[in-house]
Amino acid sequence: MADTNEQIIETFDEEGNKISFELLDIVSVDDIEYALLLPVDERNKEDGEILVMRLKKDGEEFSFEVIENDDEFNKVAQYIEEIEDEIDE
């Protein structure tokens, strides 16, 4: 049975290929929102790689941006790990 709460987001890569992601969560770090995305074709894999992207809002429209700054990415990754540790306890 499919999860009725899943949110599938479709976007296009740099080459125009359509990619579908499941939106797992949105977290806020330093007043910036980040989306945790799992490629749909990796949902049933035990080692599926979750992507973290900056979430941009423009009115009713949403877009995702790659985090190119290593310090910003590491800060977000550390925050996510801390949340996971709290959940595991």
Protein backbone atom coordinates (compact mmCIF):
# COMPACT_ATOMS: atom_id res chain seq x y z
CA MET A 1 0.00 0.00 0.00
CA ALA A 2 1.35 3.44 -0.90
CA ASP A 3 1.92 6.07 1.76
CA THR A 4 -0.78 8.69 1.22
CA ASN A 5 1.32 11.30 3.04
CA GLU A 6 4.24 11.20 0.62
CA GLN A 7 4.94 14.30 -1.39
CA ILE A 8 6.46 13.77 -4.81
CA ILE A 9 8.24 16.71 -6.39
CA GLU A 10 9.22 16.74 -10.05
CA THR A 11 12.02 18.95 -11.30
CA PHE A 12 14.47 19.08 -14.19
CA ASP A 13 18.24 18.73 -14.13
CA GLU A 14 20.70 20.87 -16.10
CA GLU A 15 20.22 18.66 -19.17
CA GLY A 16 16.40 18.90 -19.13
CA ASN A 17 15.79 15.41 -17.74
CA LYS A 18 12.79 15.10 -15.42
CA ILE A 19 13.67 13.83 -11.94
CA SER A 20 11.17 12.89 -9.24
CA PHE A 21 11.93 13.23 -5.55
CA GLU A 22 10.05 12.37 -2.40
CA LEU A 23 10.09 15.33 -0.02
CA LEU A 24 11.05 13.79 3.31
CA ASP A 25 11.25 16.91 5.46
CA ILE A 26 12.03 20.60 5.57
CA VAL A 27 14.45 21.89 8.20
CA SER A 28 15.42 25.43 9.08
CA VAL A 29 19.01 26.39 9.90
CA ASP A 30 19.95 30.03 10.52
CA ASP A 31 16.53 31.12 9.17
CA ILE A 32 17.13 29.35 5.84
CA GLU A 33 14.94 26.40 4.88
CA TYR A 34 16.40 23.22 3.42
CA ALA A 35 14.57 20.31 1.81
CA LEU A 36 15.55 16.69 2.41
CA LEU A 37 14.85 14.88 -0.84
CA LEU A 38 15.04 11.22 -1.78
CA PRO A 39 15.12 10.32 -5.49
CA VAL A 40 11.98 8.24 -6.19
CA ASP A 41 14.02 5.52 -7.91
CA GLU A 42 16.05 5.04 -4.68
CA ARG A 43 13.14 4.88 -2.20
CA ASN A 44 13.26 1.11 -1.83
CA LYS A 45 17.03 0.90 -1.57
CA GLU A 46 18.48 0.53 1.91
CA ASP A 47 21.36 2.86 1.02
CA GLY A 48 19.34 5.44 -0.95
CA GLU A 49 21.10 8.80 -0.86
CA ILE A 50 19.16 11.72 0.58
CA LEU A 51 19.83 15.08 -1.04
CA VAL A 52 19.81 18.33 0.90
CA MET A 53 18.94 21.43 -1.10
CA ARG A 54 18.22 25.04 -0.19
CA LEU A 55 14.52 25.81 -0.52
CA LYS A 56 13.63 29.11 -2.16
CA LYS A 57 10.14 30.58 -2.09
CA ASP A 58 8.95 33.19 -4.55
CA GLY A 59 5.31 33.88 -3.77
CA GLU A 60 3.48 30.63 -4.44
CA GLU A 61 6.43 29.12 -6.32
CA PHE A 62 9.14 26.94 -4.78
CA SER A 63 12.55 26.08 -6.19
CA PHE A 64 15.56 24.14 -4.98
CA GLU A 65 19.16 25.26 -5.10
CA VAL A 66 22.31 23.21 -4.72
CA ILE A 67 24.33 24.16 -1.64
CA GLU A 68 27.70 25.06 -3.10
CA ASN A 69 29.28 26.48 0.06
CA ASP A 70 30.99 23.70 2.05
CA ASP A 71 30.58 25.51 5.39
CA GLU A 72 26.85 25.97 4.81
CA PHE A 73 26.42 22.34 3.76
CA ASN A 74 28.39 21.06 6.76
CA LYS A 75 26.31 23.18 9.15
CA VAL A 76 23.07 21.76 7.74
CA ALA A 77 24.43 18.19 7.74
CA GLN A 78 25.52 18.55 11.38
CA TYR A 79 22.05 19.85 12.33
CA ILE A 80 20.39 16.89 10.60
CA GLU A 81 22.71 14.45 12.38
CA GLU A 82 21.86 16.05 15.74
CA ILE A 83 18.15 15.63 15.01
CA GLU A 84 18.68 11.99 14.05
CA ASP A 85 20.64 11.37 17.26
CA GLU A 86 17.81 12.87 19.34
CA ILE A 87 15.26 10.67 17.56
CA ASP A 88 17.37 7.55 18.14
CA GLU A 89 17.62 8.20 21.89
